[in-house]
């Protein structure tokens, strides 16, 4: 995408030029990378999956816990309430507990979880 900036009688005009790349057999589609469109309900939606990596070793050696995760069939967003359970495509947030602690916290960012000072 190229941005063009023009002025006409003191008015700034911004235009864009978008160059589309024709997909070939070696180029994954947008759907392959980001999944189904969030605008269309999915019939018989597959169950959500949470894939959690072990803590990253470098920060762990310094007493910090960095945990990366990803989801399948779930978009991690800051949504709450019972209504969120009936939406398709599925979206939600992650509840996190540490060992047997009585407390928990919620992540709605989809980014690396960081724990320090435990």
PDB file of N, CA and C in Angstrom:
ATOM      1  N   UNK A   1       0.844  -1.157   0.000  1.00  0.00           N
ATOM      2  CA  UNK A   1       0.000   0.000   0.000  1.00  0.00           C
ATOM      3  C   UNK A   1       0.898   1.231   0.000  1.00  0.00           C
ATOM      4  N   UNK A   2       0.573   2.188  -0.815  1.00  0.00           N
ATOM      5  CA  UNK A   2       1.308   3.437  -0.904  1.00  0.00           C
ATOM      6  C   UNK A   2       0.379   4.577  -0.530  1.00  0.00           C
ATOM      7  N   UNK A   3       0.830   5.478   0.321  1.00  0.00           N
ATOM      8  CA  UNK A   3       0.041   6.639   0.703  1.00  0.00           C
ATOM      9  C   UNK A   3       0.503   7.844  -0.098  1.00  0.00           C
ATOM     10  N   UNK A   4      -0.433   8.627  -0.578  1.00  0.00           N
ATOM     11  CA  UNK A   4      -0.133   9.836  -1.323  1.00  0.00           C
ATOM     12  C   UNK A   4      -0.792  11.005  -0.604  1.00  0.00           C
ATOM     13  N   UNK A   5      -0.071  12.082  -0.415  1.00  0.00           N
ATOM     14  CA  UNK A   5      -0.576  13.258   0.274  1.00  0.00           C
ATOM     15  C   UNK A   5      -0.565  14.431  -0.694  1.00  0.00           C
ATOM     16  N   UNK A   6      -1.718  15.061  -0.891  1.00  0.00           N
ATOM     17  CA  UNK A   6      -1.845  16.205  -1.787  1.00  0.00           C
ATOM     18  C   UNK A   6      -2.494  17.356  -1.031  1.00  0.00           C
ATOM     19  N   UNK A   7      -2.270  18.553  -1.484  1.00  0.00           N
ATOM     20  CA  UNK A   7      -3.018  19.692  -0.954  1.00  0.00           C
ATOM     21  C   UNK A   7      -3.730  20.365  -2.117  1.00  0.00           C
ATOM     22  N   UNK A   8      -4.953  20.783  -1.853  1.00  0.00           N
ATOM     23  CA  UNK A   8      -5.752  21.468  -2.859  1.00  0.00           C
ATOM     24  C   UNK A   8      -6.490  22.592  -2.150  1.00  0.00           C
ATOM     25  N   UNK A   9      -6.129  23.838  -2.480  1.00  0.00           N
ATOM     26  CA  UNK A   9      -6.730  25.026  -1.856  1.00  0.00           C
ATOM     27  C   UNK A   9      -6.681  24.930  -0.332  1.00  0.00           C
ATOM     28  N   UNK A  10      -5.541  24.498   0.185  1.00  0.00           N
ATOM     29  CA  UNK A  10      -5.350  24.424   1.630  1.00  0.00           C
ATOM     30  C   UNK A  10      -5.945  23.191   2.286  1.00  0.00           C
ATOM     31  N   UNK A  11      -6.552  22.295   1.520  1.00  0.00           N
ATOM     32  CA  UNK A  11      -7.149  21.084   2.070  1.00  0.00           C
ATOM     33  C   UNK A  11      -6.197  19.930   1.791  1.00  0.00           C
ATOM     34  N   UNK A  12      -5.894  19.173   2.836  1.00  0.00           N
ATOM     35  CA  UNK A  12      -5.001  18.024   2.691  1.00  0.00           C
ATOM     36  C   UNK A  12      -5.832  16.836   2.237  1.00  0.00           C
ATOM     37  N   UNK A  13      -5.391  16.170   1.190  1.00  0.00           N
ATOM     38  CA  UNK A  13      -6.079  15.004   0.651  1.00  0.00           C
ATOM     39  C   UNK A  13      -5.116  13.827   0.731  1.00  0.00           C
ATOM     40  N   UNK A  14      -5.575  12.747   1.322  1.00  0.00           N
ATOM     41  CA  UNK A  14      -4.765  11.544   1.467  1.00  0.00           C
ATOM     42  C   UNK A  14      -5.401  10.447   0.634  1.00  0.00           C
ATOM     43  N   UNK A  15      -4.641   9.862  -0.263  1.00  0.00           N
ATOM     44  CA  UNK A  15      -5.135   8.753  -1.066  1.00  0.00           C
ATOM     45  C   UNK A  15      -4.201   7.566  -0.892  1.00  0.00           C
ATOM     46  N   UNK A  16      -4.683   6.408  -1.225  1.00  0.00           N
ATOM     47  CA  UNK A  16      -3.856   5.209  -1.125  1.00  0.00           C
ATOM     48  C   UNK A  16      -3.898   4.440  -2.427  1.00  0.00           C
ATOM     49  N   UNK A  17      -2.822   3.757  -2.681  1.00  0.00           N
ATOM     50  CA  UNK A  17      -2.759   2.818  -3.789  1.00  0.00           C
ATOM     51  C   UNK A  17      -2.464   1.461  -3.180  1.00  0.00           C
ATOM     52  N   UNK A  18      -3.284   0.497  -3.469  1.00  0.00           N
ATOM     53  CA  UNK A  18      -3.090  -0.841  -2.924  1.00  0.00           C
ATOM     54  C   UNK A  18      -2.713  -1.767  -4.073  1.00  0.00           C
ATOM     55  N   UNK A  19      -1.639  -2.486  -3.873  1.00  0.00           N
ATOM     56  CA  UNK A  19      -1.176  -3.431  -4.874  1.00  0.00           C
ATOM     57  C   UNK A  19      -1.505  -4.829  -4.372  1.00  0.00           C
ATOM     58  N   UNK A  20      -2.275  -5.579  -5.118  1.00  0.00           N
ATOM     59  CA  UNK A  20      -2.660  -6.923  -4.736  1.00  0.00           C
ATOM     60  C   UNK A  20      -1.693  -7.926  -5.338  1.00  0.00           C
ATOM     61  N   UNK A  21      -1.350  -8.902  -4.545  1.00  0.00           N
ATOM     62  CA  UNK A  21      -0.482  -9.966  -5.013  1.00  0.00           C
ATOM     63  C   UNK A  21      -1.357 -11.155  -5.388  1.00  0.00           C
ATOM     64  N   UNK A  22      -1.201 -11.636  -6.580  1.00  0.00           N
ATOM     65  CA  UNK A  22      -1.957 -12.798  -7.020  1.00  0.00           C
ATOM     66  C   UNK A  22      -1.384 -14.018  -6.317  1.00  0.00           C
ATOM     67  N   UNK A  23      -2.279 -14.803  -5.708  1.00  0.00           N
ATOM     68  CA  UNK A  23      -1.820 -15.980  -4.982  1.00  0.00           C
ATOM     69  C   UNK A  23      -1.399 -17.072  -5.963  1.00  0.00           C
ATOM     70  N   UNK A  24      -0.340 -17.754  -5.597  1.00  0.00           N
ATOM     71  CA  UNK A  24       0.045 -18.928  -6.360  1.00  0.00           C
ATOM     72  C   UNK A  24      -0.099 -20.142  -5.451  1.00  0.00           C
ATOM     73  N   UNK A  25       0.271 -21.292  -5.907  1.00  0.00           N
ATOM     74  CA  UNK A  25       0.069 -22.502  -5.112  1.00  0.00           C
ATOM     75  C   UNK A  25       0.951 -22.544  -3.869  1.00  0.00           C
ATOM     76  N   UNK A  26       1.973 -21.690  -3.780  1.00  0.00           N
ATOM     77  CA  UNK A  26       2.874 -21.693  -2.633  1.00  0.00           C
ATOM     78  C   UNK A  26       2.536 -20.607  -1.621  1.00  0.00           C
ATOM     79  N   UNK A  27       1.594 -19.747  -1.928  1.00  0.00           N
ATOM     80  CA  UNK A  27       1.238 -18.650  -1.038  1.00  0.00           C
ATOM     81  C   UNK A  27      -0.008 -19.019  -0.243  1.00  0.00           C
ATOM     82  N   UNK A  28       0.081 -19.070   1.109  1.00  0.00           N
ATOM     83  CA  UNK A  28      -1.122 -19.376   1.883  1.00  0.00           C
ATOM     84  C   UNK A  28      -2.129 -18.228   1.788  1.00  0.00           C
ATOM     85  N   UNK A  29      -3.392 -18.564   1.812  1.00  0.00           N
ATOM     86  CA  UNK A  29      -4.439 -17.544   1.740  1.00  0.00           C
ATOM     87  C   UNK A  29      -4.566 -16.837   3.083  1.00  0.00           C
ATOM     88  N   UNK A  30      -5.287 -15.729   3.100  1.00  0.00           N
ATOM     89  CA  UNK A  30      -5.555 -15.016   4.352  1.00  0.00           C
ATOM     90  C   UNK A  30      -6.304 -15.937   5.311  1.00  0.00           C
ATOM     91  N   UNK A  31      -7.260 -16.699   4.792  1.00  0.00           N
ATOM     92  CA  UNK A  31      -8.015 -17.629   5.640  1.00  0.00           C
ATOM     93  C   UNK A  31      -7.092 -18.685   6.253  1.00  0.00           C
ATOM     94  N   UNK A  32      -6.089 -19.152   5.483  1.00  0.00           N
ATOM     95  CA  UNK A  32      -5.136 -20.134   6.005  1.00  0.00           C
ATOM     96  C   UNK A  32      -4.366 -19.577   7.205  1.00  0.00           C
ATOM     97  N   UNK A  33      -4.052 -18.300   7.161  1.00  0.00           N
ATOM     98  CA  UNK A  33      -3.233 -17.684   8.211  1.00  0.00           C
ATOM     99  C   UNK A  33      -4.070 -17.202   9.389  1.00  0.00           C
ATOM    100  N   UNK A  34      -5.154 -16.472   9.131  1.00  0.00           N
ATOM    101  CA  UNK A  34      -5.912 -15.866  10.232  1.00  0.00           C
ATOM    102  C   UNK A  34      -7.226 -16.556  10.538  1.00  0.00           C
ATOM    103  N   UNK A  35      -7.590 -17.553   9.769  1.00  0.00           N
ATOM    104  CA  UNK A  35      -8.811 -18.293  10.034  1.00  0.00           C
ATOM    105  C   UNK A  35     -10.020 -17.699   9.336  1.00  0.00           C
ATOM    106  N   UNK A  36     -11.173 -18.196   9.705  1.00  0.00           N
ATOM    107  CA  UNK A  36     -12.426 -17.777   9.083  1.00  0.00           C
ATOM    108  C   UNK A  36     -12.720 -16.310   9.357  1.00  0.00           C
ATOM    109  N   UNK A  37     -13.543 -15.739   8.516  1.00  0.00           N
ATOM    110  CA  UNK A  37     -13.980 -14.351   8.699  1.00  0.00           C
ATOM    111  C   UNK A  37     -14.776 -14.235   9.988  1.00  0.00           C
ATOM    112  N   UNK A  38     -14.513 -13.200  10.796  1.00  0.00           N
ATOM    113  CA  UNK A  38     -15.292 -13.016  12.022  1.00  0.00           C
ATOM    114  C   UNK A  38     -16.706 -12.519  11.742  1.00  0.00           C
ATOM    115  N   UNK A  39     -17.049 -12.311  10.485  1.00  0.00           N
ATOM    116  CA  UNK A  39     -18.351 -11.760  10.129  1.00  0.00           C
ATOM    117  C   UNK A  39     -19.372 -12.819   9.743  1.00  0.00           C
ATOM    118  N   UNK A  40     -18.941 -14.068   9.649  1.00  0.00           N
ATOM    119  CA  UNK A  40     -19.830 -15.142   9.206  1.00  0.00           C
ATOM    120  C   UNK A  40     -19.833 -16.254  10.250  1.00  0.00           C
ATOM    121  N   UNK A  41     -21.024 -16.653  10.695  1.00  0.00           N
ATOM    122  CA  UNK A  41     -21.146 -17.736  11.670  1.00  0.00           C
ATOM    123  C   UNK A  41     -20.594 -19.032  11.083  1.00  0.00           C
ATOM    124  N   UNK A  42     -20.033 -19.846  11.943  1.00  0.00           N
ATOM    125  CA  UNK A  42     -19.445 -21.118  11.516  1.00  0.00           C
ATOM    126  C   UNK A  42     -20.356 -22.250  11.972  1.00  0.00           C
ATOM    127  N   UNK A  43     -20.835 -23.026  11.023  1.00  0.00           N
ATOM    128  CA  UNK A  43     -21.654 -24.202  11.344  1.00  0.00           C
ATOM    129  C   UNK A  43     -20.753 -25.283  11.922  1.00  0.00           C
ATOM    130  N   UNK A  44     -21.226 -25.969  12.951  1.00  0.00           N
ATOM    131  CA  UNK A  44     -20.474 -27.075  13.570  1.00  0.00           C
ATOM    132  C   UNK A  44     -19.042 -26.663  13.892  1.00  0.00           C
ATOM    133  N   UNK A  45     -18.912 -25.566  14.573  1.00  0.00           N
ATOM    134  CA  UNK A  45     -17.590 -25.022  14.908  1.00  0.00           C
ATOM    135  C   UNK A  45     -16.797 -26.012  15.759  1.00  0.00           C
ATOM    136  N   UNK A  46     -15.544 -26.219  15.400  1.00  0.00           N
ATOM    137  CA  UNK A  46     -14.662 -27.125  16.145  1.00  0.00           C
ATOM    138  C   UNK A  46     -14.448 -26.585  17.553  1.00  0.00           C
ATOM    139  N   UNK A  47     -14.169 -27.455  18.526  1.00  0.00           N
ATOM    140  CA  UNK A  47     -13.938 -26.991  19.892  1.00  0.00           C
ATOM    141  C   UNK A  47     -12.703 -26.085  19.963  1.00  0.00           C
ATOM    142  N   UNK A  48     -12.726 -25.182  20.913  1.00  0.00           N
ATOM    143  CA  UNK A  48     -11.575 -24.299  21.132  1.00  0.00           C
ATOM    144  C   UNK A  48     -10.422 -25.104  21.709  1.00  0.00           C
ATOM    145  N   UNK A  49      -9.209 -24.719  21.331  1.00  0.00           N
ATOM    146  CA  UNK A  49      -7.992 -25.357  21.857  1.00  0.00           C
ATOM    147  C   UNK A  49      -7.076 -24.279  22.401  1.00  0.00           C
ATOM    148  N   UNK A  50      -6.416 -24.585  23.494  1.00  0.00           N
ATOM    149  CA  UNK A  50      -5.410 -23.708  24.074  1.00  0.00           C
ATOM    150  C   UNK A  50      -4.082 -24.440  24.038  1.00  0.00           C
ATOM    151  N   UNK A  51      -3.087 -23.873  23.361  1.00  0.00           N
ATOM    152  CA  UNK A  51      -1.761 -24.472  23.244  1.00  0.00           C
ATOM    153  C   UNK A  51      -0.809 -23.580  24.023  1.00  0.00           C
ATOM    154  N   UNK A  52      -0.183 -24.127  25.073  1.00  0.00           N
ATOM    155  CA  UNK A  52       0.673 -23.352  25.969  1.00  0.00           C
ATOM    156  C   UNK A  52       2.098 -23.876  25.874  1.00  0.00           C
ATOM    157  N   UNK A  53       3.050 -22.977  25.614  1.00  0.00           N
ATOM    158  CA  UNK A  53       4.464 -23.330  25.579  1.00  0.00           C
ATOM    159  C   UNK A  53       5.029 -23.335  26.998  1.00  0.00           C
ATOM    160  N   UNK A  54       6.132 -24.052  27.211  1.00  0.00           N
ATOM    161  CA  UNK A  54       6.803 -23.953  28.511  1.00  0.00           C
ATOM    162  C   UNK A  54       7.363 -22.543  28.686  1.00  0.00           C
ATOM    163  N   UNK A  55       7.622 -22.126  29.928  1.00  0.00           N
ATOM    164  CA  UNK A  55       8.194 -20.794  30.148  1.00  0.00           C
ATOM    165  C   UNK A  55       9.492 -20.605  29.359  1.00  0.00           C
ATOM    166  N   UNK A  56       9.715 -19.383  28.873  1.00  0.00           N
ATOM    167  CA  UNK A  56      10.951 -19.085  28.152  1.00  0.00           C
ATOM    168  C   UNK A  56      12.131 -19.185  29.119  1.00  0.00           C
ATOM    169  N   UNK A  57      13.203 -19.902  28.753  1.00  0.00           N
ATOM    170  CA  UNK A  57      14.291 -20.173  29.697  1.00  0.00           C
ATOM    171  C   UNK A  57      15.088 -18.933  30.129  1.00  0.00           C
ATOM    172  N   UNK A  58      15.322 -17.979  29.232  1.00  0.00           N
ATOM    173  CA  UNK A  58      16.150 -16.829  29.585  1.00  0.00           C
ATOM    174  C   UNK A  58      15.532 -15.988  30.702  1.00  0.00           C
ATOM    175  N   UNK A  59      14.272 -15.545  30.574  1.00  0.00           N
ATOM    176  CA  UNK A  59      13.678 -14.780  31.675  1.00  0.00           C
ATOM    177  C   UNK A  59      13.514 -15.628  32.937  1.00  0.00           C
ATOM    178  N   UNK A  60      13.224 -16.935  32.777  1.00  0.00           N
ATOM    179  CA  UNK A  60      13.030 -17.808  33.927  1.00  0.00           C
ATOM    180  C   UNK A  60      14.298 -17.863  34.779  1.00  0.00           C
ATOM    181  N   UNK A  61      15.460 -17.864  34.137  1.00  0.00           N
ATOM    182  CA  UNK A  61      16.736 -17.869  34.862  1.00  0.00           C
ATOM    183  C   UNK A  61      16.908 -16.594  35.694  1.00  0.00           C
ATOM    184  N   UNK A  62      16.164 -15.546  35.371  1.00  0.00           N
ATOM    185  CA  UNK A  62      16.231 -14.273  36.093  1.00  0.00           C
ATOM    186  C   UNK A  62      15.051 -14.103  37.050  1.00  0.00           C
ATOM    187  N   UNK A  63      14.262 -15.165  37.246  1.00  0.00           N
ATOM    188  CA  UNK A  63      13.149 -15.123  38.183  1.00  0.00           C
ATOM    189  C   UNK A  63      11.857 -14.566  37.607  1.00  0.00           C
ATOM    190  N   UNK A  64      11.785 -14.455  36.305  1.00  0.00           N
ATOM    191  CA  UNK A  64      10.560 -13.984  35.646  1.00  0.00           C
ATOM    192  C   UNK A  64      10.007 -15.119  34.796  1.00  0.00           C
ATOM    193  N   UNK A  65       8.697 -15.202  34.746  1.00  0.00           N
ATOM    194  CA  UNK A  65       8.060 -16.265  33.964  1.00  0.00           C
ATOM    195  C   UNK A  65       7.357 -15.629  32.773  1.00  0.00           C
ATOM    196  N   UNK A  66       7.801 -15.978  31.580  1.00  0.00           N
ATOM    197  CA  UNK A  66       7.173 -15.530  30.333  1.00  0.00           C
ATOM    198  C   UNK A  66       6.593 -16.776  29.667  1.00  0.00           C
ATOM    199  N   UNK A  67       5.287 -16.792  29.491  1.00  0.00           N
ATOM    200  CA  UNK A  67       4.633 -17.951  28.895  1.00  0.00           C
ATOM    201  C   UNK A  67       3.888 -17.498  27.643  1.00  0.00           C
ATOM    202  N   UNK A  68       4.254 -18.092  26.525  1.00  0.00           N
ATOM    203  CA  UNK A  68       3.567 -17.809  25.271  1.00  0.00           C
ATOM    204  C   UNK A  68       2.479 -18.857  25.067  1.00  0.00           C
ATOM    205  N   UNK A  69       1.378 -18.413  24.464  1.00  0.00           N
ATOM    206  CA  UNK A  69       0.305 -19.349  24.152  1.00  0.00           C
ATOM    207  C   UNK A  69      -0.373 -18.915  22.871  1.00  0.00           C
ATOM    208  N   UNK A  70      -1.147 -19.828  22.344  1.00  0.00           N
ATOM    209  CA  UNK A  70      -1.980 -19.513  21.187  1.00  0.00           C
ATOM    210  C   UNK A  70      -3.256 -20.329  21.304  1.00  0.00           C
ATOM    211  N   UNK A  71      -4.236 -19.923  20.549  1.00  0.00           N
ATOM    212  CA  UNK A  71      -5.504 -20.637  20.566  1.00  0.00           C
ATOM    213  C   UNK A  71      -5.860 -21.088  19.153  1.00  0.00           C
ATOM    214  N   UNK A  72      -6.686 -22.072  19.081  1.00  0.00           N
ATOM    215  CA  UNK A  72      -7.290 -22.502  17.819  1.00  0.00           C
ATOM    216  C   UNK A  72      -8.796 -22.470  18.017  1.00  0.00           C
ATOM    217  N   UNK A  73      -9.501 -21.977  17.036  1.00  0.00           N
ATOM    218  CA  UNK A  73     -10.961 -21.886  17.075  1.00  0.00           C
ATOM    219  C   UNK A  73     -11.460 -20.995  18.204  1.00  0.00           C
ATOM    220  N   UNK A  74     -10.666 -19.998  18.570  1.00  0.00           N
ATOM    221  CA  UNK A  74     -11.035 -19.016  19.589  1.00  0.00           C
ATOM    222  C   UNK A  74     -10.230 -17.752  19.352  1.00  0.00           C
ATOM    223  N   UNK A  75     -10.906 -16.625  19.253  1.00  0.00           N
ATOM    224  CA  UNK A  75     -10.233 -15.330  19.167  1.00  0.00           C
ATOM    225  C   UNK A  75     -10.205 -14.741  20.566  1.00  0.00           C
ATOM    226  N   UNK A  76      -9.010 -14.427  21.071  1.00  0.00           N
ATOM    227  CA  UNK A  76      -8.864 -13.875  22.415  1.00  0.00           C
ATOM    228  C   UNK A  76      -9.133 -12.377  22.346  1.00  0.00           C
ATOM    229  N   UNK A  77     -10.221 -11.960  23.013  1.00  0.00           N
ATOM    230  CA  UNK A  77     -10.660 -10.563  23.005  1.00  0.00           C
ATOM    231  C   UNK A  77     -11.194 -10.196  24.383  1.00  0.00           C
ATOM    232  N   UNK A  78     -11.224  -8.920  24.722  1.00  0.00           N
ATOM    233  CA  UNK A  78     -11.751  -8.505  26.026  1.00  0.00           C
ATOM    234  C   UNK A  78     -13.284  -8.506  26.036  1.00  0.00           C
ATOM    235  N   UNK A  79     -13.867  -9.691  26.027  1.00  0.00           N
ATOM    236  CA  UNK A  79     -15.320  -9.843  26.082  1.00  0.00           C
ATOM    237  C   UNK A  79     -15.678 -10.676  27.306  1.00  0.00           C
ATOM    238  N   UNK A  80     -16.818 -10.338  27.909  1.00  0.00           N
ATOM    239  CA  UNK A  80     -17.221 -11.005  29.144  1.00  0.00           C
ATOM    240  C   UNK A  80     -18.730 -11.153  29.147  1.00  0.00           C
ATOM    241  N   UNK A  81     -19.231 -12.088  29.910  1.00  0.00           N
ATOM    242  CA  UNK A  81     -20.670 -12.261  30.048  1.00  0.00           C
ATOM    243  C   UNK A  81     -21.176 -13.479  29.308  1.00  0.00           C
ATOM    244  N   UNK A  82     -22.374 -13.912  29.677  1.00  0.00           N
ATOM    245  CA  UNK A  82     -22.959 -15.121  29.102  1.00  0.00           C
ATOM    246  C   UNK A  82     -23.236 -14.992  27.605  1.00  0.00           C
ATOM    247  N   UNK A  83     -23.518 -13.791  27.131  1.00  0.00           N
ATOM    248  CA  UNK A  83     -23.789 -13.593  25.710  1.00  0.00           C
ATOM    249  C   UNK A  83     -22.622 -13.989  24.835  1.00  0.00           C
ATOM    250  N   UNK A  84     -21.414 -13.857  25.370  1.00  0.00           N
ATOM    251  CA  UNK A  84     -20.216 -14.208  24.596  1.00  0.00           C
ATOM    252  C   UNK A  84     -20.159 -15.703  24.296  1.00  0.00           C
ATOM    253  N   UNK A  85     -20.832 -16.521  25.091  1.00  0.00           N
ATOM    254  CA  UNK A  85     -20.792 -17.969  24.888  1.00  0.00           C
ATOM    255  C   UNK A  85     -21.589 -18.421  23.667  1.00  0.00           C
ATOM    256  N   UNK A  86     -22.457 -17.556  23.176  1.00  0.00           N
ATOM    257  CA  UNK A  86     -23.339 -17.951  22.081  1.00  0.00           C
ATOM    258  C   UNK A  86     -22.958 -17.320  20.748  1.00  0.00           C
ATOM    259  N   UNK A  87     -21.793 -16.721  20.669  1.00  0.00           N
ATOM    260  CA  UNK A  87     -21.360 -16.027  19.459  1.00  0.00           C
ATOM    261  C   UNK A  87     -20.524 -16.964  18.603  1.00  0.00           C
ATOM    262  N   UNK A  88     -20.682 -16.866  17.300  1.00  0.00           N
ATOM    263  CA  UNK A  88     -19.857 -17.629  16.364  1.00  0.00           C
ATOM    264  C   UNK A  88     -19.377 -16.656  15.287  1.00  0.00           C
ATOM    265  N   UNK A  89     -18.101 -16.701  14.903  1.00  0.00           N
ATOM    266  CA  UNK A  89     -17.025 -17.524  15.443  1.00  0.00           C
ATOM    267  C   UNK A  89     -16.768 -17.211  16.916  1.00  0.00           C
ATOM    268  N   UNK A  90     -16.285 -18.210  17.615  1.00  0.00           N
ATOM    269  CA  UNK A  90     -16.087 -18.158  19.056  1.00  0.00           C
ATOM    270  C   UNK A  90     -15.002 -17.142  19.432  1.00  0.00           C
ATOM    271  N   UNK A  91     -15.266 -16.384  20.506  1.00  0.00           N
ATOM    272  CA  UNK A  91     -14.241 -15.521  21.061  1.00  0.00           C
ATOM    273  C   UNK A  91     -14.389 -15.498  22.574  1.00  0.00           C
ATOM    274  N   UNK A  92     -13.319 -15.094  23.272  1.00  0.00           N
ATOM    275  CA  UNK A  92     -13.356 -15.087  24.729  1.00  0.00           C
ATOM    276  C   UNK A  92     -12.041 -14.649  25.309  1.00  0.00           C
ATOM    277  N   UNK A  93     -11.833 -14.989  26.567  1.00  0.00           N
ATOM    278  CA  UNK A  93     -10.619 -14.620  27.285  1.00  0.00           C
ATOM    279  C   UNK A  93     -10.101 -15.854  28.033  1.00  0.00           C
ATOM    280  N   UNK A  94      -8.913 -15.733  28.609  1.00  0.00           N
ATOM    281  CA  UNK A  94      -8.244 -16.860  29.266  1.00  0.00           C
ATOM    282  C   UNK A  94      -8.188 -16.604  30.771  1.00  0.00           C
ATOM    283  N   UNK A  95      -8.612 -17.588  31.584  1.00  0.00           N
ATOM    284  CA  UNK A  95      -8.473 -17.508  33.039  1.00  0.00           C
ATOM    285  C   UNK A  95      -7.168 -18.205  33.419  1.00  0.00           C
ATOM    286  N   UNK A  96      -6.370 -17.575  34.254  1.00  0.00           N
ATOM    287  CA  UNK A  96      -5.052 -18.100  34.607  1.00  0.00           C
ATOM    288  C   UNK A  96      -4.969 -18.282  36.117  1.00  0.00           C
ATOM    289  N   UNK A  97      -4.554 -19.473  36.538  1.00  0.00           N
ATOM    290  CA  UNK A  97      -4.288 -19.744  37.951  1.00  0.00           C
ATOM    291  C   UNK A  97      -2.838 -20.173  38.075  1.00  0.00           C
ATOM    292  N   UNK A  98      -2.277 -19.982  39.264  1.00  0.00           N
ATOM    293  CA  UNK A  98      -0.891 -20.370  39.522  1.00  0.00           C
ATOM    294  C   UNK A  98      -0.896 -21.410  40.630  1.00  0.00           C
ATOM    295  N   UNK A  99      -0.435 -22.604  40.297  1.00  0.00           N
ATOM    296  CA  UNK A  99      -0.396 -23.723  41.235  1.00  0.00           C
ATOM    297  C   UNK A  99      -1.736 -23.860  41.948  1.00  0.00           C
ATOM    298  N   UNK A 100      -1.724 -23.876  43.281  1.00  0.00           N
ATOM    299  CA  UNK A 100      -2.964 -24.039  44.046  1.00  0.00           C
ATOM    300  C   UNK A 100      -3.447 -22.725  44.642  1.00  0.00           C
ATOM    301  N   UNK A 101      -3.019 -21.605  44.079  1.00  0.00           N
ATOM    302  CA  UNK A 101      -3.421 -20.294  44.606  1.00  0.00           C
ATOM    303  C   UNK A 101      -4.946 -20.152  44.536  1.00  0.00           C
ATOM    304  N   UNK A 102      -5.507 -19.444  45.517  1.00  0.00           N
ATOM    305  CA  UNK A 102      -6.950 -19.229  45.542  1.00  0.00           C
ATOM    306  C   UNK A 102      -7.377 -18.131  44.573  1.00  0.00           C
ATOM    307  N   UNK A 103      -6.437 -17.327  44.111  1.00  0.00           N
ATOM    308  CA  UNK A 103      -6.746 -16.229  43.203  1.00  0.00           C
ATOM    309  C   UNK A 103      -6.457 -16.645  41.768  1.00  0.00           C
ATOM    310  N   UNK A 104      -7.007 -15.912  40.867  1.00  0.00           N
ATOM    311  CA  UNK A 104      -6.717 -16.103  39.443  1.00  0.00           C
ATOM    312  C   UNK A 104      -6.800 -14.742  38.768  1.00  0.00           C
ATOM    313  N   UNK A 105      -6.352 -14.679  37.527  1.00  0.00           N
ATOM    314  CA  UNK A 105      -6.502 -13.453  36.758  1.00  0.00           C
ATOM    315  C   UNK A 105      -6.882 -13.813  35.338  1.00  0.00           C
ATOM    316  N   UNK A 106      -7.249 -12.796  34.583  1.00  0.00           N
ATOM    317  CA  UNK A 106      -7.772 -12.994  33.237  1.00  0.00           C
ATOM    318  C   UNK A 106      -6.856 -12.305  32.244  1.00  0.00           C
ATOM    319  N   UNK A 107      -6.609 -12.965  31.119  1.00  0.00           N
ATOM    320  CA  UNK A 107      -5.879 -12.336  30.016  1.00  0.00           C
ATOM    321  C   UNK A 107      -6.811 -12.258  28.826  1.00  0.00           C
ATOM    322  N   UNK A 108      -6.935 -11.064  28.275  1.00  0.00           N
ATOM    323  CA  UNK A 108      -7.763 -10.874  27.085  1.00  0.00           C
ATOM    324  C   UNK A 108      -6.945 -10.269  25.956  1.00  0.00           C
ATOM    325  N   UNK A 109      -5.612 -10.343  26.085  1.00  0.00           N
ATOM    326  CA  UNK A 109      -4.748  -9.721  25.078  1.00  0.00           C
ATOM    327  C   UNK A 109      -4.291 -10.689  23.997  1.00  0.00           C
ATOM    328  N   UNK A 110      -4.171 -11.967  24.348  1.00  0.00           N
ATOM    329  CA  UNK A 110      -3.620 -12.928  23.402  1.00  0.00           C
ATOM    330  C   UNK A 110      -2.108 -12.856  23.301  1.00  0.00           C
ATOM    331  N   UNK A 111      -1.498 -12.072  24.180  1.00  0.00           N
ATOM    332  CA  UNK A 111      -0.041 -11.892  24.161  1.00  0.00           C
ATOM    333  C   UNK A 111       0.615 -12.750  25.239  1.00  0.00           C
ATOM    334  N   UNK A 112       1.938 -12.715  25.284  1.00  0.00           N
ATOM    335  CA  UNK A 112       2.713 -13.471  26.271  1.00  0.00           C
ATOM    336  C   UNK A 112       2.285 -13.107  27.696  1.00  0.00           C
ATOM    337  N   UNK A 113       2.105 -14.123  28.538  1.00  0.00           N
ATOM    338  CA  UNK A 113       1.775 -13.921  29.950  1.00  0.00           C
ATOM    339  C   UNK A 113       3.099 -13.723  30.698  1.00  0.00           C
ATOM    340  N   UNK A 114       3.157 -12.726  31.566  1.00  0.00           N
ATOM    341  CA  UNK A 114       4.378 -12.434  32.334  1.00  0.00           C
ATOM    342  C   UNK A 114       4.029 -12.449  33.809  1.00  0.00           C
ATOM    343  N   UNK A 115       4.765 -13.259  34.579  1.00  0.00           N
ATOM    344  CA  UNK A 115       4.611 -13.328  36.020  1.00  0.00           C
ATOM    345  C   UNK A 115       5.949 -13.026  36.678  1.00  0.00           C
ATOM    346  N   UNK A 116       5.921 -12.152  37.672  1.00  0.00           N
ATOM    347  CA  UNK A 116       7.156 -11.755  38.358  1.00  0.00           C
ATOM    348  C   UNK A 116       6.872 -11.710  39.865  1.00  0.00           C
ATOM    349  N   UNK A 117       7.842 -12.116  40.652  1.00  0.00           N
ATOM    350  CA  UNK A 117       7.758 -11.959  42.102  1.00  0.00           C
ATOM    351  C   UNK A 117       6.896 -12.968  42.818  1.00  0.00           C
ATOM    352  N   UNK A 118       6.775 -14.156  42.283  1.00  0.00           N
ATOM    353  CA  UNK A 118       5.956 -15.164  42.966  1.00  0.00           C
ATOM    354  C   UNK A 118       6.781 -16.016  43.896  1.00  0.00           C
TER     355      UNK A 118
END
